[in-house]
Protein backbone atom coordinates (compact mmCIF):
# COMPACT_ATOMS: atom_id res chain seq x y z
CA UNK A 1 0.00 0.00 0.00
CA UNK A 2 2.91 2.29 0.27
CA UNK A 3 3.50 2.30 -3.44
CA UNK A 4 0.28 4.13 -4.36
CA UNK A 5 1.10 6.76 -1.73
CA UNK A 6 4.57 7.20 -3.17
CA UNK A 7 3.12 7.46 -6.65
CA UNK A 8 0.61 10.03 -5.45
CA UNK A 9 3.35 11.97 -3.74
CA UNK A 10 5.52 11.89 -6.87
CA UNK A 11 2.57 12.76 -9.07
CA UNK A 12 1.68 15.59 -6.70
CA UNK A 13 5.24 16.96 -6.80
CA UNK A 14 5.36 16.70 -10.58
CA UNK A 15 2.02 18.49 -10.84
CA UNK A 16 3.26 21.18 -8.47
CA UNK A 17 6.44 21.66 -10.51
CA UNK A 18 4.44 21.84 -13.74
CA UNK A 19 2.08 24.44 -12.25
CA UNK A 20 5.01 26.49 -10.95
CA UNK A 21 6.78 26.35 -14.32
CA UNK A 22 3.57 27.33 -16.08
CA UNK A 23 3.18 30.32 -13.77
CA UNK A 24 6.80 31.33 -14.35
CA UNK A 25 6.28 31.20 -18.12
CA UNK A 26 3.05 33.20 -17.92
CA UNK A 27 4.62 35.82 -15.65
CA UNK A 28 7.68 36.07 -17.92
CA UNK A 29 5.51 36.66 -20.98
CA UNK A 30 3.46 39.25 -19.11
CA UNK A 31 6.64 41.01 -17.98
CA UNK A 32 8.05 41.08 -21.52
CA UNK A 33 4.80 42.55 -22.83
CA UNK A 34 4.79 45.20 -20.12
CA UNK A 35 8.40 46.15 -20.83
CA UNK A 36 7.59 46.56 -24.55
CA UNK A 37 4.55 48.63 -23.72
CA UNK A 38 6.65 50.79 -21.38
CA UNK A 39 9.23 51.40 -24.12
CA UNK A 40 6.51 52.37 -26.58
CA UNK A 41 4.96 54.75 -24.08
CA UNK A 42 8.36 56.34 -23.40
CA UNK A 43 8.80 56.92 -27.14
CA UNK A 44 5.35 58.50 -27.36
CA UNK A 45 6.15 60.65 -24.34
CA UNK A 46 9.40 61.85 -25.92
CA UNK A 47 7.56 62.78 -29.13
CA UNK A 48 4.88 64.62 -27.20
CA UNK A 49 7.47 66.52 -25.16
CA UNK A 50 9.25 67.60 -28.35
CA UNK A 51 5.93 68.67 -29.84
CA UNK A 52 5.09 70.59 -26.67
CA UNK A 53 8.43 72.41 -26.74
CA UNK A 54 7.86 73.31 -30.39
CA UNK A 55 4.37 74.62 -29.64
CA UNK A 56 5.70 76.64 -26.69
CA UNK A 57 8.34 78.17 -28.96
CA UNK A 58 5.69 79.08 -31.53
CA UNK A 59 3.55 80.61 -28.78
CA UNK A 60 6.52 82.66 -27.57
CA UNK A 61 7.21 83.90 -31.11
CA UNK A 62 3.56 84.90 -31.48
CA UNK A 63 3.66 86.75 -28.15
CA UNK A 64 6.79 88.60 -29.24
CA UNK A 65 5.17 89.51 -32.57
CA UNK A 66 2.04 90.70 -30.78
CA UNK A 67 4.10 92.93 -28.50
CA UNK A 68 5.99 94.30 -31.52
CA UNK A 69 2.79 95.12 -33.40
CA UNK A 70 1.69 97.29 -30.47
CA UNK A 71 4.83 99.47 -30.64
CA UNK A 72 5.12 102.78 -32.45
CA UNK A 73 8.13 101.43 -34.37
CA UNK A 74 5.87 98.84 -36.03
CA UNK A 75 3.30 101.49 -36.89
CA UNK A 76 5.97 103.71 -38.47
CA UNK A 77 7.51 100.84 -40.46
CA UNK A 78 4.12 99.75 -41.72
CA UNK A 79 3.19 103.31 -42.70
CA UNK A 80 6.47 103.72 -44.59
CA UNK A 81 6.63 100.35 -46.29
CA UNK A 82 3.01 99.63 -47.11
CA UNK A 83 1.45 103.05 -47.38
CA UNK A 84 4.43 105.08 -48.55
CA UNK A 85 3.98 107.69 -45.82
CA UNK A 86 6.87 109.75 -44.46
CA UNK A 87 7.42 112.11 -41.57
CA UNK A 88 7.35 115.85 -42.17
CA UNK A 89 11.12 116.32 -41.78
CA UNK A 90 12.15 113.37 -43.99
CA UNK A 91 13.44 113.78 -47.56
CA UNK A 92 12.26 111.36 -50.19
CA UNK A 93 14.54 110.26 -53.06
CA UNK A 94 12.88 108.69 -56.04
CA UNK A 95 14.62 106.80 -58.77
CA UNK A 96 13.78 107.56 -62.36
PDB file of N, CA and C in Angstrom:
ATOM      1  N   UNK A   1       0.804  -1.199   0.000  1.00  0.00           N
ATOM      2  CA  UNK A   1       0.000   0.000   0.000  1.00  0.00           C
ATOM      3  C   UNK A   1       0.848   1.264   0.000  1.00  0.00           C
ATOM      4  N   UNK A   2       2.064   1.110   0.251  1.00  0.00           N
ATOM      5  CA  UNK A   2       2.913   2.287   0.272  1.00  0.00           C
ATOM      6  C   UNK A   2       3.223   2.772  -1.131  1.00  0.00           C
ATOM      7  N   UNK A   3       3.183   1.886  -2.078  1.00  0.00           N
ATOM      8  CA  UNK A   3       3.504   2.301  -3.441  1.00  0.00           C
ATOM      9  C   UNK A   3       2.491   3.301  -4.006  1.00  0.00           C
ATOM     10  N   UNK A   4       1.207   3.109  -3.850  1.00  0.00           N
ATOM     11  CA  UNK A   4       0.280   4.128  -4.364  1.00  0.00           C
ATOM     12  C   UNK A   4       0.483   5.482  -3.688  1.00  0.00           C
ATOM     13  N   UNK A   5       0.841   5.479  -2.408  1.00  0.00           N
ATOM     14  CA  UNK A   5       1.097   6.759  -1.727  1.00  0.00           C
ATOM     15  C   UNK A   5       2.328   7.435  -2.311  1.00  0.00           C
ATOM     16  N   UNK A   6       3.361   6.630  -2.587  1.00  0.00           N
ATOM     17  CA  UNK A   6       4.575   7.199  -3.169  1.00  0.00           C
ATOM     18  C   UNK A   6       4.274   7.737  -4.562  1.00  0.00           C
ATOM     19  N   UNK A   7       3.491   7.004  -5.318  1.00  0.00           N
ATOM     20  CA  UNK A   7       3.125   7.464  -6.652  1.00  0.00           C
ATOM     21  C   UNK A   7       2.318   8.754  -6.572  1.00  0.00           C
ATOM     22  N   UNK A   8       1.400   8.814  -5.632  1.00  0.00           N
ATOM     23  CA  UNK A   8       0.605  10.032  -5.451  1.00  0.00           C
ATOM     24  C   UNK A   8       1.496  11.196  -5.059  1.00  0.00           C
ATOM     25  N   UNK A   9       2.436  10.914  -4.175  1.00  0.00           N
ATOM     26  CA  UNK A   9       3.355  11.965  -3.737  1.00  0.00           C
ATOM     27  C   UNK A   9       4.207  12.440  -4.905  1.00  0.00           C
ATOM     28  N   UNK A  10       4.711  11.534  -5.708  1.00  0.00           N
ATOM     29  CA  UNK A  10       5.521  11.891  -6.872  1.00  0.00           C
ATOM     30  C   UNK A  10       4.662  12.628  -7.893  1.00  0.00           C
ATOM     31  N   UNK A  11       3.480  12.098  -8.131  1.00  0.00           N
ATOM     32  CA  UNK A  11       2.565  12.761  -9.072  1.00  0.00           C
ATOM     33  C   UNK A  11       2.192  14.154  -8.561  1.00  0.00           C
ATOM     34  N   UNK A  12       2.002  14.291  -7.294  1.00  0.00           N
ATOM     35  CA  UNK A  12       1.682  15.593  -6.699  1.00  0.00           C
ATOM     36  C   UNK A  12       2.831  16.579  -6.861  1.00  0.00           C
ATOM     37  N   UNK A  13       4.059  16.105  -6.646  1.00  0.00           N
ATOM     38  CA  UNK A  13       5.245  16.961  -6.801  1.00  0.00           C
ATOM     39  C   UNK A  13       5.427  17.365  -8.263  1.00  0.00           C
ATOM     40  N   UNK A  14       5.233  16.399  -9.148  1.00  0.00           N
ATOM     41  CA  UNK A  14       5.358  16.703 -10.578  1.00  0.00           C
ATOM     42  C   UNK A  14       4.306  17.723 -10.995  1.00  0.00           C
ATOM     43  N   UNK A  15       3.090  17.533 -10.530  1.00  0.00           N
ATOM     44  CA  UNK A  15       2.019  18.486 -10.841  1.00  0.00           C
ATOM     45  C   UNK A  15       2.358  19.871 -10.295  1.00  0.00           C
ATOM     46  N   UNK A  16       2.872  19.895  -9.074  1.00  0.00           N
ATOM     47  CA  UNK A  16       3.256  21.178  -8.467  1.00  0.00           C
ATOM     48  C   UNK A  16       4.349  21.862  -9.290  1.00  0.00           C
ATOM     49  N   UNK A  17       5.344  21.104  -9.715  1.00  0.00           N
ATOM     50  CA  UNK A  17       6.442  21.664 -10.514  1.00  0.00           C
ATOM     51  C   UNK A  17       5.911  22.180 -11.843  1.00  0.00           C
ATOM     52  N   UNK A  18       5.026  21.410 -12.467  1.00  0.00           N
ATOM     53  CA  UNK A  18       4.444  21.836 -13.744  1.00  0.00           C
ATOM     54  C   UNK A  18       3.655  23.132 -13.567  1.00  0.00           C
ATOM     55  N   UNK A  19       2.862  23.228 -12.512  1.00  0.00           N
ATOM     56  CA  UNK A  19       2.077  24.445 -12.252  1.00  0.00           C
ATOM     57  C   UNK A  19       3.009  25.627 -12.005  1.00  0.00           C
ATOM     58  N   UNK A  20       4.054  25.417 -11.229  1.00  0.00           N
ATOM     59  CA  UNK A  20       5.009  26.495 -10.945  1.00  0.00           C
ATOM     60  C   UNK A  20       5.701  26.941 -12.225  1.00  0.00           C
ATOM     61  N   UNK A  21       6.145  26.002 -13.049  1.00  0.00           N
ATOM     62  CA  UNK A  21       6.784  26.348 -14.322  1.00  0.00           C
ATOM     63  C   UNK A  21       5.824  27.095 -15.241  1.00  0.00           C
ATOM     64  N   UNK A  22       4.580  26.650 -15.276  1.00  0.00           N
ATOM     65  CA  UNK A  22       3.569  27.334 -16.079  1.00  0.00           C
ATOM     66  C   UNK A  22       3.385  28.780 -15.610  1.00  0.00           C
ATOM     67  N   UNK A  23       3.318  28.967 -14.308  1.00  0.00           N
ATOM     68  CA  UNK A  23       3.177  30.323 -13.773  1.00  0.00           C
ATOM     69  C   UNK A  23       4.398  31.185 -14.091  1.00  0.00           C
ATOM     70  N   UNK A  24       5.569  30.591 -14.025  1.00  0.00           N
ATOM     71  CA  UNK A  24       6.795  31.327 -14.350  1.00  0.00           C
ATOM     72  C   UNK A  24       6.771  31.762 -15.814  1.00  0.00           C
ATOM     73  N   UNK A  25       6.354  30.872 -16.695  1.00  0.00           N
ATOM     74  CA  UNK A  25       6.279  31.198 -18.124  1.00  0.00           C
ATOM     75  C   UNK A  25       5.256  32.313 -18.358  1.00  0.00           C
ATOM     76  N   UNK A  26       4.094  32.187 -17.752  1.00  0.00           N
ATOM     77  CA  UNK A  26       3.054  33.203 -17.922  1.00  0.00           C
ATOM     78  C   UNK A  26       3.525  34.556 -17.386  1.00  0.00           C
ATOM     79  N   UNK A  27       4.137  34.570 -16.232  1.00  0.00           N
ATOM     80  CA  UNK A  27       4.621  35.821 -15.647  1.00  0.00           C
ATOM     81  C   UNK A  27       5.738  36.424 -16.497  1.00  0.00           C
ATOM     82  N   UNK A  28       6.596  35.577 -17.063  1.00  0.00           N
ATOM     83  CA  UNK A  28       7.676  36.073 -17.922  1.00  0.00           C
ATOM     84  C   UNK A  28       7.117  36.724 -19.174  1.00  0.00           C
ATOM     85  N   UNK A  29       6.146  36.085 -19.785  1.00  0.00           N
ATOM     86  CA  UNK A  29       5.511  36.659 -20.981  1.00  0.00           C
ATOM     87  C   UNK A  29       4.839  37.983 -20.637  1.00  0.00           C
ATOM     88  N   UNK A  30       4.123  38.017 -19.524  1.00  0.00           N
ATOM     89  CA  UNK A  30       3.462  39.254 -19.107  1.00  0.00           C
ATOM     90  C   UNK A  30       4.483  40.357 -18.858  1.00  0.00           C
ATOM     91  N   UNK A  31       5.602  40.017 -18.251  1.00  0.00           N
ATOM     92  CA  UNK A  31       6.641  41.008 -17.978  1.00  0.00           C
ATOM     93  C   UNK A  31       7.239  41.533 -19.277  1.00  0.00           C
ATOM     94  N   UNK A  32       7.499  40.654 -20.224  1.00  0.00           N
ATOM     95  CA  UNK A  32       8.048  41.080 -21.520  1.00  0.00           C
ATOM     96  C   UNK A  32       7.079  42.024 -22.224  1.00  0.00           C
ATOM     97  N   UNK A  33       5.801  41.685 -22.200  1.00  0.00           N
ATOM     98  CA  UNK A  33       4.795  42.551 -22.831  1.00  0.00           C
ATOM     99  C   UNK A  33       4.734  43.916 -22.155  1.00  0.00           C
ATOM    100  N   UNK A  34       4.821  43.939 -20.843  1.00  0.00           N
ATOM    101  CA  UNK A  34       4.791  45.203 -20.116  1.00  0.00           C
ATOM    102  C   UNK A  34       6.026  46.056 -20.401  1.00  0.00           C
ATOM    103  N   UNK A  35       7.173  45.414 -20.525  1.00  0.00           N
ATOM    104  CA  UNK A  35       8.397  46.153 -20.834  1.00  0.00           C
ATOM    105  C   UNK A  35       8.296  46.769 -22.229  1.00  0.00           C
ATOM    106  N   UNK A  36       7.780  46.011 -23.193  1.00  0.00           N
ATOM    107  CA  UNK A  36       7.587  46.556 -24.548  1.00  0.00           C
ATOM    108  C   UNK A  36       6.620  47.730 -24.537  1.00  0.00           C
ATOM    109  N   UNK A  37       5.534  47.565 -23.802  1.00  0.00           N
ATOM    110  CA  UNK A  37       4.548  48.633 -23.723  1.00  0.00           C
ATOM    111  C   UNK A  37       5.162  49.875 -23.079  1.00  0.00           C
ATOM    112  N   UNK A  38       5.978  49.676 -22.051  1.00  0.00           N
ATOM    113  CA  UNK A  38       6.647  50.794 -21.380  1.00  0.00           C
ATOM    114  C   UNK A  38       7.579  51.519 -22.342  1.00  0.00           C
ATOM    115  N   UNK A  39       8.336  50.778 -23.141  1.00  0.00           N
ATOM    116  CA  UNK A  39       9.233  51.397 -24.115  1.00  0.00           C
ATOM    117  C   UNK A  39       8.447  52.199 -25.153  1.00  0.00           C
ATOM    118  N   UNK A  40       7.346  51.648 -25.617  1.00  0.00           N
ATOM    119  CA  UNK A  40       6.508  52.370 -26.584  1.00  0.00           C
ATOM    120  C   UNK A  40       5.956  53.653 -25.975  1.00  0.00           C
ATOM    121  N   UNK A  41       5.505  53.561 -24.734  1.00  0.00           N
ATOM    122  CA  UNK A  41       4.965  54.749 -24.075  1.00  0.00           C
ATOM    123  C   UNK A  41       6.045  55.803 -23.848  1.00  0.00           C
ATOM    124  N   UNK A  42       7.266  55.377 -23.566  1.00  0.00           N
ATOM    125  CA  UNK A  42       8.358  56.337 -23.400  1.00  0.00           C
ATOM    126  C   UNK A  42       8.668  57.034 -24.714  1.00  0.00           C
ATOM    127  N   UNK A  43       8.593  56.305 -25.829  1.00  0.00           N
ATOM    128  CA  UNK A  43       8.804  56.925 -27.137  1.00  0.00           C
ATOM    129  C   UNK A  43       7.703  57.939 -27.436  1.00  0.00           C
ATOM    130  N   UNK A  44       6.470  57.577 -27.147  1.00  0.00           N
ATOM    131  CA  UNK A  44       5.354  58.499 -27.364  1.00  0.00           C
ATOM    132  C   UNK A  44       5.524  59.732 -26.489  1.00  0.00           C
ATOM    133  N   UNK A  45       5.939  59.530 -25.251  1.00  0.00           N
ATOM    134  CA  UNK A  45       6.152  60.654 -24.341  1.00  0.00           C
ATOM    135  C   UNK A  45       7.234  61.590 -24.870  1.00  0.00           C
ATOM    136  N   UNK A  46       8.314  61.019 -25.382  1.00  0.00           N
ATOM    137  CA  UNK A  46       9.397  61.846 -25.923  1.00  0.00           C
ATOM    138  C   UNK A  46       8.906  62.667 -27.117  1.00  0.00           C
ATOM    139  N   UNK A  47       8.116  62.055 -27.982  1.00  0.00           N
ATOM    140  CA  UNK A  47       7.564  62.775 -29.134  1.00  0.00           C
ATOM    141  C   UNK A  47       6.644  63.900 -28.671  1.00  0.00           C
ATOM    142  N   UNK A  48       5.821  63.614 -27.695  1.00  0.00           N
ATOM    143  CA  UNK A  48       4.882  64.620 -27.196  1.00  0.00           C
ATOM    144  C   UNK A  48       5.613  65.769 -26.510  1.00  0.00           C
ATOM    145  N   UNK A  49       6.676  65.458 -25.796  1.00  0.00           N
ATOM    146  CA  UNK A  49       7.468  66.517 -25.158  1.00  0.00           C
ATOM    147  C   UNK A  49       8.116  67.410 -26.207  1.00  0.00           C
ATOM    148  N   UNK A  50       8.644  66.812 -27.270  1.00  0.00           N
ATOM    149  CA  UNK A  50       9.250  67.596 -28.347  1.00  0.00           C
ATOM    150  C   UNK A  50       8.198  68.467 -29.022  1.00  0.00           C
ATOM    151  N   UNK A  51       7.028  67.909 -29.231  1.00  0.00           N
ATOM    152  CA  UNK A  51       5.929  68.670 -29.838  1.00  0.00           C
ATOM    153  C   UNK A  51       5.502  69.815 -28.922  1.00  0.00           C
ATOM    154  N   UNK A  52       5.451  69.557 -27.633  1.00  0.00           N
ATOM    155  CA  UNK A  52       5.090  70.590 -26.667  1.00  0.00           C
ATOM    156  C   UNK A  52       6.107  71.726 -26.683  1.00  0.00           C
ATOM    157  N   UNK A  53       7.392  71.382 -26.696  1.00  0.00           N
ATOM    158  CA  UNK A  53       8.430  72.412 -26.745  1.00  0.00           C
ATOM    159  C   UNK A  53       8.311  73.252 -28.012  1.00  0.00           C
ATOM    160  N   UNK A  54       8.019  72.589 -29.128  1.00  0.00           N
ATOM    161  CA  UNK A  54       7.860  73.307 -30.390  1.00  0.00           C
ATOM    162  C   UNK A  54       6.660  74.255 -30.316  1.00  0.00           C
ATOM    163  N   UNK A  55       5.561  73.784 -29.763  1.00  0.00           N
ATOM    164  CA  UNK A  55       4.368  74.622 -29.642  1.00  0.00           C
ATOM    165  C   UNK A  55       4.612  75.790 -28.683  1.00  0.00           C
ATOM    166  N   UNK A  56       5.369  75.554 -27.618  1.00  0.00           N
ATOM    167  CA  UNK A  56       5.697  76.638 -26.691  1.00  0.00           C
ATOM    168  C   UNK A  56       6.567  77.686 -27.372  1.00  0.00           C
ATOM    169  N   UNK A  57       7.490  77.239 -28.227  1.00  0.00           N
ATOM    170  CA  UNK A  57       8.339  78.170 -28.958  1.00  0.00           C
ATOM    171  C   UNK A  57       7.501  78.995 -29.939  1.00  0.00           C
ATOM    172  N   UNK A  58       6.567  78.361 -30.619  1.00  0.00           N
ATOM    173  CA  UNK A  58       5.690  79.082 -31.531  1.00  0.00           C
ATOM    174  C   UNK A  58       4.849  80.096 -30.765  1.00  0.00           C
ATOM    175  N   UNK A  59       4.345  79.697 -29.606  1.00  0.00           N
ATOM    176  CA  UNK A  59       3.550  80.608 -28.785  1.00  0.00           C
ATOM    177  C   UNK A  59       4.383  81.810 -28.340  1.00  0.00           C
ATOM    178  N   UNK A  60       5.634  81.565 -27.975  1.00  0.00           N
ATOM    179  CA  UNK A  60       6.522  82.658 -27.569  1.00  0.00           C
ATOM    180  C   UNK A  60       6.770  83.612 -28.733  1.00  0.00           C
ATOM    181  N   UNK A  61       6.998  83.063 -29.926  1.00  0.00           N
ATOM    182  CA  UNK A  61       7.206  83.903 -31.106  1.00  0.00           C
ATOM    183  C   UNK A  61       5.971  84.746 -31.402  1.00  0.00           C
ATOM    184  N   UNK A  62       4.802  84.148 -31.248  1.00  0.00           N
ATOM    185  CA  UNK A  62       3.562  84.900 -31.478  1.00  0.00           C
ATOM    186  C   UNK A  62       3.384  86.006 -30.443  1.00  0.00           C
ATOM    187  N   UNK A  63       3.733  85.718 -29.190  1.00  0.00           N
ATOM    188  CA  UNK A  63       3.659  86.747 -28.147  1.00  0.00           C
ATOM    189  C   UNK A  63       4.609  87.897 -28.451  1.00  0.00           C
ATOM    190  N   UNK A  64       5.819  87.554 -28.890  1.00  0.00           N
ATOM    191  CA  UNK A  64       6.785  88.596 -29.243  1.00  0.00           C
ATOM    192  C   UNK A  64       6.279  89.441 -30.410  1.00  0.00           C
ATOM    193  N   UNK A  65       5.704  88.780 -31.410  1.00  0.00           N
ATOM    194  CA  UNK A  65       5.171  89.509 -32.569  1.00  0.00           C
ATOM    195  C   UNK A  65       4.007  90.403 -32.151  1.00  0.00           C
ATOM    196  N   UNK A  66       3.169  89.905 -31.255  1.00  0.00           N
ATOM    197  CA  UNK A  66       2.037  90.699 -30.778  1.00  0.00           C
ATOM    198  C   UNK A  66       2.533  91.945 -30.041  1.00  0.00           C
ATOM    199  N   UNK A  67       3.544  91.773 -29.200  1.00  0.00           N
ATOM    200  CA  UNK A  67       4.104  92.929 -28.497  1.00  0.00           C
ATOM    201  C   UNK A  67       4.698  93.930 -29.483  1.00  0.00           C
ATOM    202  N   UNK A  68       5.378  93.425 -30.523  1.00  0.00           N
ATOM    203  CA  UNK A  68       5.991  94.304 -31.518  1.00  0.00           C
ATOM    204  C   UNK A  68       4.937  95.080 -32.297  1.00  0.00           C
ATOM    205  N   UNK A  69       3.828  94.435 -32.625  1.00  0.00           N
ATOM    206  CA  UNK A  69       2.792  95.124 -33.396  1.00  0.00           C
ATOM    207  C   UNK A  69       2.131  96.244 -32.599  1.00  0.00           C
ATOM    208  N   UNK A  70       2.277  96.232 -31.299  1.00  0.00           N
ATOM    209  CA  UNK A  70       1.693  97.287 -30.469  1.00  0.00           C
ATOM    210  C   UNK A  70       2.644  98.463 -30.271  1.00  0.00           C
ATOM    211  N   UNK A  71       3.864  98.394 -30.817  1.00  0.00           N
ATOM    212  CA  UNK A  71       4.832  99.472 -30.635  1.00  0.00           C
ATOM    213  C   UNK A  71       4.684 100.512 -31.738  1.00  0.00           C
ATOM    214  N   UNK A  72       5.172 101.713 -31.454  1.00  0.00           N
ATOM    215  CA  UNK A  72       5.125 102.782 -32.454  1.00  0.00           C
ATOM    216  C   UNK A  72       6.100 102.505 -33.596  1.00  0.00           C
ATOM    217  N   UNK A  73       7.170 101.788 -33.324  1.00  0.00           N
ATOM    218  CA  UNK A  73       8.128 101.432 -34.373  1.00  0.00           C
ATOM    219  C   UNK A  73       7.441 100.614 -35.464  1.00  0.00           C
ATOM    220  N   UNK A  74       6.603  99.662 -35.064  1.00  0.00           N
ATOM    221  CA  UNK A  74       5.872  98.842 -36.029  1.00  0.00           C
ATOM    222  C   UNK A  74       4.928  99.710 -36.853  1.00  0.00           C
ATOM    223  N   UNK A  75       4.237 100.620 -36.189  1.00  0.00           N
ATOM    224  CA  UNK A  75       3.295 101.490 -36.893  1.00  0.00           C
ATOM    225  C   UNK A  75       4.045 102.339 -37.919  1.00  0.00           C
ATOM    226  N   UNK A  76       5.186 102.895 -37.546  1.00  0.00           N
ATOM    227  CA  UNK A  76       5.974 103.707 -38.468  1.00  0.00           C
ATOM    228  C   UNK A  76       6.482 102.881 -39.649  1.00  0.00           C
ATOM    229  N   UNK A  77       7.015 101.704 -39.378  1.00  0.00           N
ATOM    230  CA  UNK A  77       7.513 100.844 -40.457  1.00  0.00           C
ATOM    231  C   UNK A  77       6.399 100.442 -41.413  1.00  0.00           C
ATOM    232  N   UNK A  78       5.254 100.124 -40.883  1.00  0.00           N
ATOM    233  CA  UNK A  78       4.123  99.747 -41.724  1.00  0.00           C
ATOM    234  C   UNK A  78       3.671 100.930 -42.569  1.00  0.00           C
ATOM    235  N   UNK A  79       3.609 102.115 -41.954  1.00  0.00           N
ATOM    236  CA  UNK A  79       3.189 103.305 -42.701  1.00  0.00           C
ATOM    237  C   UNK A  79       4.178 103.611 -43.821  1.00  0.00           C
ATOM    238  N   UNK A  80       5.465 103.448 -43.555  1.00  0.00           N
ATOM    239  CA  UNK A  80       6.474 103.720 -44.587  1.00  0.00           C
ATOM    240  C   UNK A  80       6.438 102.671 -45.690  1.00  0.00           C
ATOM    241  N   UNK A  81       6.478 101.425 -45.316  1.00  0.00           N
ATOM    242  CA  UNK A  81       6.629 100.345 -46.295  1.00  0.00           C
ATOM    243  C   UNK A  81       5.356 100.057 -47.083  1.00  0.00           C
ATOM    244  N   UNK A  82       4.243 100.022 -46.428  1.00  0.00           N
ATOM    245  CA  UNK A  82       3.011  99.625 -47.108  1.00  0.00           C
ATOM    246  C   UNK A  82       2.225 100.805 -47.667  1.00  0.00           C
ATOM    247  N   UNK A  83       2.253 101.911 -46.957  1.00  0.00           N
ATOM    248  CA  UNK A  83       1.448 103.051 -47.376  1.00  0.00           C
ATOM    249  C   UNK A  83       2.260 104.156 -48.045  1.00  0.00           C
ATOM    250  N   UNK A  84       3.578 104.081 -47.926  1.00  0.00           N
ATOM    251  CA  UNK A  84       4.430 105.083 -48.548  1.00  0.00           C
ATOM    252  C   UNK A  84       4.422 106.419 -47.831  1.00  0.00           C
ATOM    253  N   UNK A  85       4.025 106.448 -46.596  1.00  0.00           N
ATOM    254  CA  UNK A  85       3.981 107.691 -45.825  1.00  0.00           C
ATOM    255  C   UNK A  85       5.362 108.014 -45.269  1.00  0.00           C
ATOM    256  N   UNK A  86       5.610 109.308 -45.041  1.00  0.00           N
ATOM    257  CA  UNK A  86       6.870 109.751 -44.457  1.00  0.00           C
ATOM    258  C   UNK A  86       6.577 110.795 -43.400  1.00  0.00           C
ATOM    259  N   UNK A  87       7.550 111.052 -42.562  1.00  0.00           N
ATOM    260  CA  UNK A  87       7.417 112.112 -41.567  1.00  0.00           C
ATOM    261  C   UNK A  87       7.637 113.457 -42.251  1.00  0.00           C
ATOM    262  N   UNK A  88       7.254 114.518 -41.584  1.00  0.00           N
ATOM    263  CA  UNK A  88       7.349 115.853 -42.172  1.00  0.00           C
ATOM    264  C   UNK A  88       8.794 116.261 -42.459  1.00  0.00           C
ATOM    265  N   UNK A  89       9.734 115.877 -41.615  1.00  0.00           N
ATOM    266  CA  UNK A  89      11.119 116.319 -41.776  1.00  0.00           C
ATOM    267  C   UNK A  89      11.982 115.353 -42.598  1.00  0.00           C
ATOM    268  N   UNK A  90      11.397 114.320 -43.197  1.00  0.00           N
ATOM    269  CA  UNK A  90      12.149 113.368 -43.995  1.00  0.00           C
ATOM    270  C   UNK A  90      12.185 113.792 -45.461  1.00  0.00           C
ATOM    271  N   UNK A  91      13.276 113.466 -46.133  1.00  0.00           N
ATOM    272  CA  UNK A  91      13.436 113.785 -47.558  1.00  0.00           C
ATOM    273  C   UNK A  91      13.296 112.472 -48.335  1.00  0.00           C
ATOM    274  N   UNK A  92      12.521 112.533 -49.399  1.00  0.00           N
ATOM    275  CA  UNK A  92      12.259 111.357 -50.186  1.00  0.00           C
ATOM    276  C   UNK A  92      13.095 111.442 -51.487  1.00  0.00           C
ATOM    277  N   UNK A  93      13.796 110.377 -51.803  1.00  0.00           N
ATOM    278  CA  UNK A  93      14.538 110.263 -53.060  1.00  0.00           C
ATOM    279  C   UNK A  93      13.861 109.214 -53.928  1.00  0.00           C
ATOM    280  N   UNK A  94      13.518 109.637 -55.131  1.00  0.00           N
ATOM    281  CA  UNK A  94      12.877 108.693 -56.038  1.00  0.00           C
ATOM    282  C   UNK A  94      13.797 108.398 -57.202  1.00  0.00           C
ATOM    283  N   UNK A  95      13.806 107.162 -57.611  1.00  0.00           N
ATOM    284  CA  UNK A  95      14.623 106.795 -58.768  1.00  0.00           C
ATOM    285  C   UNK A  95      13.790 106.972 -60.028  1.00  0.00           C
ATOM    286  N   UNK A  96      14.491 107.383 -61.083  1.00  0.00           N
ATOM    287  CA  UNK A  96      13.776 107.564 -62.357  1.00  0.00           C
ATOM    288  C   UNK A  96      13.954 106.367 -63.225  1.00  0.00           C
TER     289      UNK A  96
END
